[in-house]
C-alpha atoms as a PDB file:
ATOM      1  CA  MET A   1     -32.478 -60.166   5.615  1.00  0.00           C
ATOM      2  CA  VAL A   2     -28.933 -60.654   4.291  1.00  0.00           C
ATOM      3  CA  ILE A   3     -28.775 -57.004   3.194  1.00  0.00           C
ATOM      4  CA  ALA A   4     -29.949 -55.852   6.634  1.00  0.00           C
ATOM      5  CA  GLN A   5     -27.267 -57.962   8.318  1.00  0.00           C
ATOM      6  CA  LEU A   6     -24.590 -56.550   6.042  1.00  0.00           C
ATOM      7  CA  GLU A   7     -25.759 -52.998   6.734  1.00  0.00           C
ATOM      8  CA  GLU A   8     -25.725 -53.653  10.482  1.00  0.00           C
ATOM      9  CA  SER A   9     -22.215 -55.131  10.267  1.00  0.00           C
ATOM     10  CA  ALA A  10     -21.020 -52.082   8.331  1.00  0.00           C
ATOM     11  CA  ARG A  11     -22.609 -49.794  10.901  1.00  0.00           C
ATOM     12  CA  LEU A  12     -20.925 -51.604  13.796  1.00  0.00           C
ATOM     13  CA  ARG A  13     -17.560 -51.437  12.025  1.00  0.00           C
ATOM     14  CA  GLN A  14     -17.992 -47.691  11.555  1.00  0.00           C
ATOM     15  CA  VAL A  15     -18.966 -47.247  15.233  1.00  0.00           C
ATOM     16  CA  ALA A  16     -15.874 -49.181  16.318  1.00  0.00           C
ATOM     17  CA  LYS A  17     -13.724 -47.100  13.980  1.00  0.00           C
ATOM     18  CA  ASP A  18     -15.172 -43.842  15.355  1.00  0.00           C
ATOM     19  CA  GLU A  19     -14.644 -44.964  18.947  1.00  0.00           C
ATOM     20  CA  LYS A  20     -11.045 -45.870  18.177  1.00  0.00           C
ATOM     21  CA  GLU A  21     -10.447 -42.457  16.621  1.00  0.00           C
ATOM     22  CA  GLN A  22     -12.039 -40.708  19.612  1.00  0.00           C
ATOM     23  CA  ALA A  23      -9.836 -42.677  22.003  1.00  0.00           C
ATOM     24  CA  ARG A  24      -6.775 -41.726  19.972  1.00  0.00           C
ATOM     25  CA  ASN A  25      -7.745 -38.065  20.147  1.00  0.00           C
ATOM     26  CA  LEU A  26      -8.272 -38.272  23.914  1.00  0.00           C
ATOM     27  CA  GLU A  27      -4.727 -39.584  24.312  1.00  0.00           C
ATOM     28  CA  LYS A  28      -3.404 -36.419  22.728  1.00  0.00           C
ATOM     29  CA  ALA A  29      -2.533 -33.452  24.874  1.00  0.00           C
ATOM     30  CA  PRO A  30      -5.109 -30.662  24.299  1.00  0.00           C
ATOM     31  CA  GLU A  31      -2.487 -28.412  22.745  1.00  0.00           C
ATOM     32  CA  GLU A  32      -1.664 -31.106  20.170  1.00  0.00           C
ATOM     33  CA  ASN A  33      -5.187 -31.197  18.744  1.00  0.00           C
ATOM     34  CA  TYR A  34      -4.465 -28.466  16.230  1.00  0.00           C
ATOM     35  CA  ILE A  35      -7.540 -29.119  14.098  1.00  0.00           C
ATOM     36  CA  LYS A  36      -9.970 -28.472  16.951  1.00  0.00           C
ATOM     37  CA  ILE A  37      -8.000 -25.429  18.094  1.00  0.00           C
ATOM     38  CA  ASP A  38      -8.095 -23.992  14.576  1.00  0.00           C
ATOM     39  CA  GLU A  39     -11.819 -24.714  14.234  1.00  0.00           C
ATOM     40  CA  HIS A  40     -12.481 -22.945  17.547  1.00  0.00           C
ATOM     41  CA  PHE A  41     -10.400 -19.945  16.498  1.00  0.00           C
ATOM     42  CA  ASN A  42     -12.028 -19.684  13.065  1.00  0.00           C
ATOM     43  CA  THR A  43     -15.548 -19.817  14.542  1.00  0.00           C
ATOM     44  CA  GLU A  44     -14.941 -17.313  17.340  1.00  0.00           C
ATOM     45  CA  PHE A  45     -12.820 -14.965  15.252  1.00  0.00           C
ATOM     46  CA  GLY A  46     -15.290 -15.027  12.371  1.00  0.00           C
ATOM     47  CA  GLU A  47     -18.142 -14.046  14.690  1.00  0.00           C
ATOM     48  CA  LEU A  48     -16.021 -11.258  16.189  1.00  0.00           C
ATOM     49  CA  GLU A  49     -15.290  -9.835  12.732  1.00  0.00           C
ATOM     50  CA  VAL A  50     -18.991  -9.880  11.781  1.00  0.00           C
ATOM     51  CA  ALA A  51     -20.017  -8.278  15.087  1.00  0.00           C
ATOM     52  CA  LEU A  52     -17.405  -5.550  14.711  1.00  0.00           C
ATOM     53  CA  MET A  53     -18.378  -4.585  11.190  1.00  0.00           C
ATOM     54  CA  ALA A  54     -22.110  -4.704  12.010  1.00  0.00           C
ATOM     55  CA  TRP A  55     -21.902  -2.351  15.008  1.00  0.00           C
ATOM     56  CA  ALA A  56     -23.901   0.420  13.309  1.00  0.00           C
ATOM     57  CA  SER A  57     -27.025  -1.726  12.954  1.00  0.00           C
ATOM     58  CA  GLN A  58     -26.585  -3.196  16.434  1.00  0.00           C
ATOM     59  CA  VAL A  59     -26.396   0.113  18.292  1.00  0.00           C
ATOM     60  CA  GLU A  60     -28.809   2.192  16.189  1.00  0.00           C
ATOM     61  CA  GLY A  61     -30.941   4.320  18.477  1.00  0.00           C
ATOM     62  CA  LYS A  62     -28.958   3.331  21.551  1.00  0.00           C
ATOM     63  CA  SER A  63     -27.580   5.695  24.186  1.00  0.00           C
ATOM     64  CA  ALA A  64     -23.884   6.543  24.437  1.00  0.00           C
ATOM     65  CA  ASP A  65     -23.540   4.258  27.466  1.00  0.00           C
ATOM     66  CA  GLU A  66     -25.150   1.365  25.587  1.00  0.00           C
ATOM     67  CA  VAL A  67     -22.854   1.902  22.594  1.00  0.00           C
ATOM     68  CA  THR A  68     -19.842   1.860  24.918  1.00  0.00           C
ATOM     69  CA  ALA A  69     -21.141  -1.314  26.567  1.00  0.00           C
ATOM     70  CA  TYR A  70     -21.453  -2.970  23.138  1.00  0.00           C
ATOM     71  CA  PHE A  71     -17.830  -2.292  22.272  1.00  0.00           C
ATOM     72  CA  ASP A  72     -16.669  -3.275  25.761  1.00  0.00           C
ATOM     73  CA  GLY A  73     -18.448  -6.602  25.369  1.00  0.00           C
ATOM     74  CA  LEU A  74     -16.825  -7.172  21.993  1.00  0.00           C
ATOM     75  CA  PHE A  75     -13.373  -6.466  23.353  1.00  0.00           C
ATOM     76  CA  GLU A  76     -13.923  -8.733  26.362  1.00  0.00           C
ATOM     77  CA  ARG A  77     -14.817 -11.591  24.014  1.00  0.00           C
ATOM     78  CA  PHE A  78     -11.781 -10.801  21.865  1.00  0.00           C
ATOM     79  CA  SER A  79      -9.545 -10.818  24.967  1.00  0.00           C
ATOM     80  CA  LYS A  80     -10.801 -14.257  26.027  1.00  0.00           C
ATOM     81  CA  LEU A  81      -9.959 -15.720  22.620  1.00  0.00           C
ATOM     82  CA  ARG A  82      -6.557 -14.023  22.598  1.00  0.00           C
ATOM     83  CA  ASP A  83      -5.773 -15.297  26.121  1.00  0.00           C
ATOM     84  CA  TYR A  84      -6.833 -18.825  25.149  1.00  0.00           C
ATOM     85  CA  ILE A  85      -4.408 -18.828  22.216  1.00  0.00           C
ATOM     86  CA  ALA A  86      -1.656 -17.225  24.316  1.00  0.00           C
ATOM     87  CA  ASP A  87      -1.903 -20.008  26.899  1.00  0.00           C
ATOM     88  CA  ILE A  88      -1.203 -22.712  24.310  1.00  0.00           C
ATOM     89  CA  ASN A  89       0.889 -20.712  21.851  1.00  0.00           C
ATOM     90  CA  TYR A  90       4.095 -22.423  23.002  1.00  0.00           C
ATOM     91  CA  ALA A  91       2.836 -25.704  21.553  1.00  0.00           C
ATOM     92  CA  LEU A  92       1.414 -24.425  18.256  1.00  0.00           C
ATOM     93  CA  PRO A  93       3.122 -24.811  14.871  1.00  0.00           C
ATOM     94  CA  SER A  94       4.647 -21.574  13.604  1.00  0.00           C
ATOM     95  CA  SER A  95       2.123 -21.381  10.758  1.00  0.00           C
ATOM     96  CA  LEU A  96      -0.863 -21.320  13.130  1.00  0.00           C
ATOM     97  CA  SER A  97       0.843 -19.047  15.635  1.00  0.00           C
ATOM     98  CA  GLY A  98       1.562 -16.523  12.865  1.00  0.00           C
ATOM     99  CA  LYS A  99      -1.966 -16.751  11.508  1.00  0.00           C
ATOM    100  CA  TYR A 100      -3.510 -16.054  14.909  1.00  0.00           C
ATOM    101  CA  SER A 101      -1.099 -13.229  15.713  1.00  0.00           C
ATOM    102  CA  ASN A 102      -1.789 -11.479  12.390  1.00  0.00           C
ATOM    103  CA  GLY A 103      -5.528 -11.900  12.860  1.00  0.00           C
ATOM    104  CA  PHE A 104      -5.479 -10.461  16.376  1.00  0.00           C
ATOM    105  CA  ASN A 105      -3.379  -7.478  15.322  1.00  0.00           C
ATOM    106  CA  ALA A 106      -5.648  -6.663  12.365  1.00  0.00           C
ATOM    107  CA  TRP A 107      -8.843  -7.021  14.429  1.00  0.00           C
ATOM    108  CA  ASN A 108      -7.484  -4.889  17.247  1.00  0.00           C
ATOM    109  CA  GLU A 109      -6.549  -2.125  14.794  1.00  0.00           C
ATOM    110  CA  ASN A 110      -9.978  -2.235  13.144  1.00  0.00           C
ATOM    111  CA  PHE A 111     -11.644  -2.239  16.548  1.00  0.00           C
ATOM    112  CA  GLY A 112      -9.994   1.074  17.424  1.00  0.00           C
ATOM    113  CA  LYS A 113     -11.073   2.628  14.134  1.00  0.00           C
ATOM    114  CA  GLU A 114     -14.673   1.448  14.360  1.00  0.00           C
ATOM    115  CA  LYS A 115     -14.996   2.473  18.000  1.00  0.00           C
ATOM    116  CA  ASP A 116     -13.710   5.953  17.157  1.00  0.00           C
ATOM    117  CA  LYS A 117     -16.418   6.207  14.498  1.00  0.00           C
ATOM    118  CA  ALA A 118     -19.101   5.170  16.960  1.00  0.00           C
ATOM    119  CA  ILE A 119     -17.781   7.175  19.917  1.00  0.00           C
ATOM    120  CA  PRO A 120     -15.726  10.097  18.544  1.00  0.00           C
ATOM    121  CA  LYS A 121     -13.036  11.326  20.896  1.00  0.00           C
ATOM    122  CA  LYS A 122     -12.647  14.992  21.756  1.00  0.00           C
ATOM    123  CA  LYS A 123      -9.398  16.372  20.406  1.00  0.00           C
ATOM    124  CA  PHE A 124      -7.018  18.315  22.621  1.00  0.00           C
ATOM    125  CA  SER A 125      -3.659  19.791  21.808  1.00  0.00           C
ATOM    126  CA  PHE A 126      -0.867  19.693  24.360  1.00  0.00           C
ATOM    127  CA  ALA A 127       2.329  20.130  22.344  1.00  0.00           C
ATOM    128  CA  ARG A 128       4.757  19.888  25.243  1.00  0.00           C
ATOM    129  CA  LYS A 129       3.124  16.870  26.799  1.00  0.00           C
ATOM    130  CA  GLU A 130       3.058  15.073  23.469  1.00  0.00           C
ATOM    131  CA  LYS A 131       6.800  15.620  23.188  1.00  0.00           C
ATOM    132  CA  LYS A 132       7.377  14.052  26.600  1.00  0.00           C
ATOM    133  CA  THR A 133       5.126  11.153  25.735  1.00  0.00           C
ATOM    134  CA  LYS A 134       7.090  10.560  22.564  1.00  0.00           C
ATOM    135  CA  LYS A 135      10.318  10.362  24.543  1.00  0.00           C
ATOM    136  CA  LYS A 136       8.761   7.884  26.947  1.00  0.00           C
ATOM    137  CA  GLU A 137       7.581   5.726  24.051  1.00  0.00           C
ATOM    138  CA  GLU A 138      11.060   5.802  22.518  1.00  0.00           C
ATOM    139  CA  LYS A 139      12.581   4.656  25.810  1.00  0.00           C
ATOM    140  CA  LYS A 140       9.983   1.896  26.045  1.00  0.00           C
ATOM    141  CA  VAL A 141      10.828   0.650  22.546  1.00  0.00           C
ATOM    142  CA  GLU A 142      14.526   0.620  23.409  1.00  0.00           C
ATOM    143  CA  SER A 143      13.796  -1.318  26.599  1.00  0.00           C
ATOM    144  CA  GLU A 144      11.653  -3.876  24.791  1.00  0.00           C
ATOM    145  CA  ALA A 145      14.331  -4.315  22.122  1.00  0.00           C
ATOM    146  CA  GLY A 146      16.881  -5.025  24.846  1.00  0.00           C
ATOM    147  CA  GLU A 147      14.616  -7.592  26.488  1.00  0.00           C
ATOM    148  CA  ALA A 148      14.165  -9.409  23.169  1.00  0.00           C
ATOM    149  CA  LYS A 149      17.881 -10.208  23.111  1.00  0.00           C
ATOM    150  CA  SER A 150      17.703 -12.096  26.413  1.00  0.00           C
ATOM    151  CA  THR A 151      18.518 -15.806  26.265  1.00  0.00           C
ATOM    152  CA  ILE A 152      15.942 -16.807  28.855  1.00  0.00           C
ATOM    153  CA  VAL A 153      12.561 -15.108  28.820  1.00  0.00           C
ATOM    154  CA  LYS A 154      10.608 -15.636  32.044  1.00  0.00           C
ATOM    155  CA  ASN A 155       6.823 -15.606  32.504  1.00  0.00           C
ATOM    156  CA  SER A 156       6.181 -14.913  28.847  1.00  0.00           C
ATOM    157  CA  GLN A 157       2.743 -16.030  27.605  1.00  0.00           C
ATOM    158  CA  GLY A 158       2.069 -18.039  30.726  1.00  0.00           C
ATOM    159  CA  ASN A 159       4.037 -19.702  33.448  1.00  0.00           C
ATOM    160  CA  HIS A 160       6.913 -20.970  31.314  1.00  0.00           C
ATOM    161  CA  LEU A 161      10.682 -20.813  31.258  1.00  0.00           C
ATOM    162  CA  TRP A 162      11.601 -19.968  27.690  1.00  0.00           C
ATOM    163  CA  ILE A 163      14.890 -20.352  25.821  1.00  0.00           C
ATOM    164  CA  LYS A 164      14.259 -18.649  22.488  1.00  0.00           C
ATOM    165  CA  ASN A 165      16.059 -17.096  19.518  1.00  0.00           C
ATOM    166  CA  VAL A 166      19.559 -18.137  20.532  1.00  0.00           C
ATOM    167  CA  TYR A 167      22.248 -18.802  17.934  1.00  0.00           C
ATOM    168  CA  ASN A 168      25.896 -19.914  18.049  1.00  0.00           C
ATOM    169  CA  LYS A 169      26.174 -19.930  21.830  1.00  0.00           C
ATOM    170  CA  GLU A 170      28.654 -22.488  23.165  1.00  0.00           C
ATOM    171  CA  SER A 171      26.552 -23.514  26.169  1.00  0.00           C
ATOM    172  CA  ILE A 172      23.380 -22.515  28.014  1.00  0.00           C
ATOM    173  CA  VAL A 173      23.039 -23.773  31.581  1.00  0.00           C
ATOM    174  CA  VAL A 174      19.680 -23.166  33.246  1.00  0.00           C
ATOM    175  CA  SER A 175      19.504 -23.467  37.031  1.00  0.00           C
ATOM    176  CA  ALA A 176      16.738 -25.035  39.113  1.00  0.00           C
ATOM    177  CA  SER A 177      16.108 -21.651  40.780  1.00  0.00           C
ATOM    178  CA  GLU A 178      15.303 -20.082  37.386  1.00  0.00           C
ATOM    179  CA  TYR A 179      12.698 -22.788  36.774  1.00  0.00           C
ATOM    180  CA  GLU A 180      11.224 -22.726  40.280  1.00  0.00           C
ATOM    181  CA  GLY A 181       7.473 -22.079  40.308  1.00  0.00           C
ATOM    182  CA  LYS A 182       7.029 -22.686  36.587  1.00  0.00           C
ATOM    183  CA  GLU A 183       5.314 -25.448  34.635  1.00  0.00           C
ATOM    184  CA  ASN A 184       6.968 -25.856  31.239  1.00  0.00           C
ATOM    185  CA  VAL A 185      10.406 -25.459  29.742  1.00  0.00           C
ATOM    186  CA  ILE A 186      10.246 -24.327  26.115  1.00  0.00           C
ATOM    187  CA  ILE A 187      13.247 -24.390  23.783  1.00  0.00           C
ATOM    188  CA  GLU A 188      12.399 -22.618  20.528  1.00  0.00           C
ATOM    189  CA  SER A 189      14.309 -21.273  17.521  1.00  0.00           C
ATOM    190  CA  VAL A 190      17.775 -22.272  18.742  1.00  0.00           C
ATOM    191  CA  GLU A 191      20.765 -23.179  16.557  1.00  0.00           C
ATOM    192  CA  HIS A 192      24.340 -24.330  17.211  1.00  0.00           C
ATOM    193  CA  CYS A 193      24.031 -24.449  20.999  1.00  0.00           C
ATOM    194  CA  VAL A 194      24.499 -26.907  23.867  1.00  0.00           C
ATOM    195  CA  ILE A 195      21.721 -26.676  26.461  1.00  0.00           C
ATOM    196  CA  TYR A 196      21.823 -28.147  29.982  1.00  0.00           C
ATOM    197  CA  LEU A 197      18.677 -28.529  32.138  1.00  0.00           C
ATOM    198  CA  PRO A 198      19.890 -30.120  35.419  1.00  0.00           C
ATOM    199  CA  PHE A 199      16.577 -30.338  37.289  1.00  0.00           C
ATOM    200  CA  LEU A 200      13.178 -32.022  37.333  1.00  0.00           C
ATOM    201  CA  ILE A 201      10.791 -30.611  34.705  1.00  0.00           C
ATOM    202  CA  LYS A 202       7.009 -30.986  34.548  1.00  0.00           C
ATOM    203  CA  CYS A 203       6.680 -30.673  30.778  1.00  0.00           C
ATOM    204  CA  LEU A 204       9.204 -30.021  27.986  1.00  0.00           C
ATOM    205  CA  PHE A 205       8.761 -28.511  24.513  1.00  0.00           C
ATOM    206  CA  ILE A 206      11.569 -28.444  21.937  1.00  0.00           C
ATOM    207  CA  LYS A 207      10.729 -26.827  18.587  1.00  0.00           C
ATOM    208  CA  GLU A 208      12.554 -25.315  15.607  1.00  0.00           C
ATOM    209  CA  VAL A 209      16.001 -26.429  16.783  1.00  0.00           C
ATOM    210  CA  LYS A 210      19.020 -27.112  14.550  1.00  0.00           C
ATOM    211  CA  ASN A 211      22.527 -28.423  15.203  1.00  0.00           C
ATOM    212  CA  CYS A 212      22.136 -28.557  18.977  1.00  0.00           C
ATOM    213  CA  GLN A 213      22.726 -30.855  21.903  1.00  0.00           C
ATOM    214  CA  VAL A 214      20.093 -30.833  24.650  1.00  0.00           C
ATOM    215  CA  PHE A 215      20.757 -32.526  28.022  1.00  0.00           C
ATOM    216  CA  VAL A 216      17.739 -32.977  30.304  1.00  0.00           C
ATOM    217  CA  GLY A 217      17.671 -34.293  33.879  1.00  0.00           C
ATOM    218  CA  ALA A 218      14.161 -35.798  34.029  1.00  0.00           C
ATOM    219  CA  VAL A 219      10.645 -34.915  32.867  1.00  0.00           C
ATOM    220  CA  SER A 220       7.768 -36.077  35.072  1.00  0.00           C
ATOM    221  CA  GLY A 221       5.175 -35.496  32.346  1.00  0.00           C
ATOM    222  CA  ALA A 222       5.359 -35.385  28.564  1.00  0.00           C
ATOM    223  CA  SER A 223       8.045 -34.124  26.188  1.00  0.00           C
ATOM    224  CA  PHE A 224       7.176 -32.709  22.764  1.00  0.00           C
ATOM    225  CA  VAL A 225       9.761 -32.472  19.986  1.00  0.00           C
ATOM    226  CA  ASN A 226       8.779 -30.675  16.775  1.00  0.00           C
ATOM    227  CA  ASP A 227      10.812 -29.480  13.791  1.00  0.00           C
ATOM    228  CA  VAL A 228      14.220 -30.481  15.160  1.00  0.00           C
ATOM    229  CA  ASN A 229      17.059 -31.215  12.743  1.00  0.00           C
ATOM    230  CA  ASP A 230      20.679 -32.420  12.909  1.00  0.00           C
ATOM    231  CA  SER A 231      20.731 -32.579  16.697  1.00  0.00           C
ATOM    232  CA  GLU A 232      21.193 -34.845  19.731  1.00  0.00           C
ATOM    233  CA  ILE A 233      18.711 -35.013  22.605  1.00  0.00           C
ATOM    234  CA  PHE A 234      19.500 -36.705  25.925  1.00  0.00           C
ATOM    235  CA  LEU A 235      16.158 -37.134  27.648  1.00  0.00           C
ATOM    236  CA  GLN A 236      14.321 -39.026  30.400  1.00  0.00           C
ATOM    237  CA  SER A 237      10.557 -38.673  30.126  1.00  0.00           C
ATOM    238  CA  HIS A 238       7.332 -40.586  30.736  1.00  0.00           C
ATOM    239  CA  GLN A 239       5.922 -39.769  27.308  1.00  0.00           C
ATOM    240  CA  ILE A 240       7.733 -38.541  24.210  1.00  0.00           C
ATOM    241  CA  ARG A 241       6.153 -37.214  21.008  1.00  0.00           C
ATOM    242  CA  ILE A 242       8.298 -36.448  17.989  1.00  0.00           C
ATOM    243  CA  HIS A 243       7.004 -34.608  14.914  1.00  0.00           C
ATOM    244  CA  ASN A 244       8.462 -33.201  11.681  1.00  0.00           C
ATOM    245  CA  SER A 245      12.084 -33.919  12.595  1.00  0.00           C
ATOM    246  CA  LYS A 246      15.078 -35.223  10.669  1.00  0.00           C
ATOM    247  CA  ASN A 247      18.528 -36.577  11.485  1.00  0.00           C
ATOM    248  CA  VAL A 248      18.142 -36.487  15.257  1.00  0.00           C
ATOM    249  CA  LYS A 249      19.761 -38.906  17.717  1.00  0.00           C
ATOM    250  CA  PHE A 250      17.774 -39.579  20.876  1.00  0.00           C
ATOM    251  CA  TYR A 251      19.310 -41.069  24.020  1.00  0.00           C
ATOM    252  CA  LEU A 252      16.338 -41.966  26.184  1.00  0.00           C
ATOM    253  CA  THR A 253      14.916 -43.406  29.342  1.00  0.00           C
ATOM    254  CA  ALA A 254      11.211 -44.037  28.828  1.00  0.00           C
ATOM    255  CA  ARG A 255       8.479 -46.412  29.913  1.00  0.00           C
ATOM    256  CA  SER A 256       6.710 -46.362  26.544  1.00  0.00           C
ATOM    257  CA  SER A 257       7.670 -46.024  22.904  1.00  0.00           C
ATOM    258  CA  PRO A 258       7.736 -42.493  21.456  1.00  0.00           C
ATOM    259  CA  ILE A 259       4.908 -41.373  19.204  1.00  0.00           C
ATOM    260  CA  ILE A 260       6.566 -40.431  15.900  1.00  0.00           C
ATOM    261  CA  GLU A 261       4.960 -38.605  12.963  1.00  0.00           C
ATOM    262  CA  HIS A 262       6.431 -37.178   9.750  1.00  0.00           C
ATOM    263  CA  CYS A 263      10.065 -37.867  10.688  1.00  0.00           C
ATOM    264  CA  SER A 264      13.091 -39.451   9.050  1.00  0.00           C
ATOM    265  CA  GLU A 265      16.623 -40.513   9.942  1.00  0.00           C
ATOM    266  CA  LEU A 266      16.032 -40.793  13.678  1.00  0.00           C
ATOM    267  CA  GLY A 267      18.358 -42.784  15.907  1.00  0.00           C
ATOM    268  CA  PHE A 268      17.695 -44.137  19.413  1.00  0.00           C
ATOM    269  CA  GLY A 269      19.894 -45.317  22.239  1.00  0.00           C
ATOM    270  CA  PRO A 270      19.936 -45.625  26.050  1.00  0.00           C
ATOM    271  CA  TYR A 271      20.340 -42.526  28.197  1.00  0.00           C
ATOM    272  CA  HIS A 272      22.544 -44.056  30.893  1.00  0.00           C
ATOM    273  CA  THR A 273      25.230 -45.448  28.614  1.00  0.00           C
ATOM    274  CA  SER A 274      25.439 -42.371  26.461  1.00  0.00           C
ATOM    275  CA  GLN A 275      27.365 -39.146  26.501  1.00  0.00           C
ATOM    276  CA  ALA A 276      24.942 -37.932  29.182  1.00  0.00           C
ATOM    277  CA  GLU A 277      26.673 -40.164  31.729  1.00  0.00           C
ATOM    278  CA  ALA A 278      30.069 -38.762  30.849  1.00  0.00           C
ATOM    279  CA  THR A 279      29.218 -35.083  30.491  1.00  0.00           C
ATOM    280  CA  PHE A 280      25.944 -34.480  32.323  1.00  0.00           C
ATOM    281  CA  THR A 281      26.042 -35.506  35.956  1.00  0.00           C
ATOM    282  CA  TYR A 282      24.776 -33.283  38.736  1.00  0.00           C
ATOM    283  CA  GLU A 283      23.858 -33.590  42.381  1.00  0.00           C
ATOM    284  CA  GLY A 284      20.275 -34.753  42.790  1.00  0.00           C
ATOM    285  CA  ARG A 285      19.824 -36.406  39.397  1.00  0.00           C
ATOM    286  CA  GLU A 286      19.005 -39.821  40.850  1.00  0.00           C
ATOM    287  CA  LYS A 287      16.466 -38.217  43.183  1.00  0.00           C
ATOM    288  CA  HIS A 288      14.851 -36.465  40.219  1.00  0.00           C
ATOM    289  CA  GLU A 289      14.663 -39.772  38.353  1.00  0.00           C
ATOM    290  CA  GLU A 290      12.930 -41.377  41.329  1.00  0.00           C
ATOM    291  CA  GLU A 291      10.487 -38.485  41.746  1.00  0.00           C
ATOM    292  CA  ALA A 292       9.612 -38.690  38.058  1.00  0.00           C
ATOM    293  CA  GLY A 293       9.186 -42.464  38.260  1.00  0.00           C
ATOM    294  CA  LEU A 294      12.011 -42.978  35.775  1.00  0.00           C
ATOM    295  CA  LYS A 295      14.563 -44.821  37.879  1.00  0.00           C
ATOM    296  CA  LEU A 296      13.901 -48.112  36.120  1.00  0.00           C
ATOM    297  CA  GLU A 297      15.188 -51.555  36.936  1.00  0.00           C
ATOM    298  CA  GLU A 298      17.778 -53.023  34.599  1.00  0.00           C
ATOM    299  CA  GLY A 299      16.142 -54.152  31.377  1.00  0.00           C
ATOM    300  CA  LYS A 300      12.956 -52.124  31.944  1.00  0.00           C
ATOM    301  CA  ASN A 301      14.049 -49.155  29.832  1.00  0.00           C
ATOM    302  CA  LEU A 302      12.855 -49.685  26.275  1.00  0.00           C
ATOM    303  CA  PHE A 303      16.120 -48.248  24.936  1.00  0.00           C
ATOM    304  CA  ASP A 304      18.643 -50.305  26.932  1.00  0.00           C
END
């Protein structure tokens, strides 16, 4: 009887522990649950690789149309997985993003080779047209290279305003009109810059940033800070998550304490008595604070 009671107590403790862990996971934004994302990718991608390499046995004795349909189905499944990763790529760690990108590129290349084996293409020779095509491709490469140098990349991998790969720029001021119609602002791979975001933002991501100052009007949703070093962030946000960062000073307005993981040498102070008040005022800021629910009564801000 005693043993049974002890076993039941242990079982109940484990159930409570599991429920607590599940609740903690539910609190996370979907894009933060990297383990589940990676498990999903590994399962789907593994099945795609097996299906691609086993095409010969799958289409044996089939008509040309059926063989084409098989490869079309494979590519449709591949596209769904690639689109899923693209939609959340802005929030992924660089290690996972690189892993997925390399995997997609390799699979896509193998897909072309295997499809050519299954459905050989007829070869034609048009020397002059090939020359023109080559010139067009060269112009396209030049155009893409020019676009890569842009400070702000719009509508890239979803409905985001992106500030990426910027170094040693004195100041970057983004206007509300540039953000209009978008969901997220993403600041990635930026060093030695001062960034101003004088408008209301739905969701903010700051990652791989060094020696920068970031001034934000207000964020109605969550703000995610990852791999930021030797910087200052002036931020008003409902929810703030900080990961893998060091020597960062935060000047905040927030209703709840930040979630902090794997960080060191962080400092915190109030937004409205900081440098933001002296250097970052703009018409409509108070309205944005009210719309975001961040115009708090005196003493209600956790960082006052």
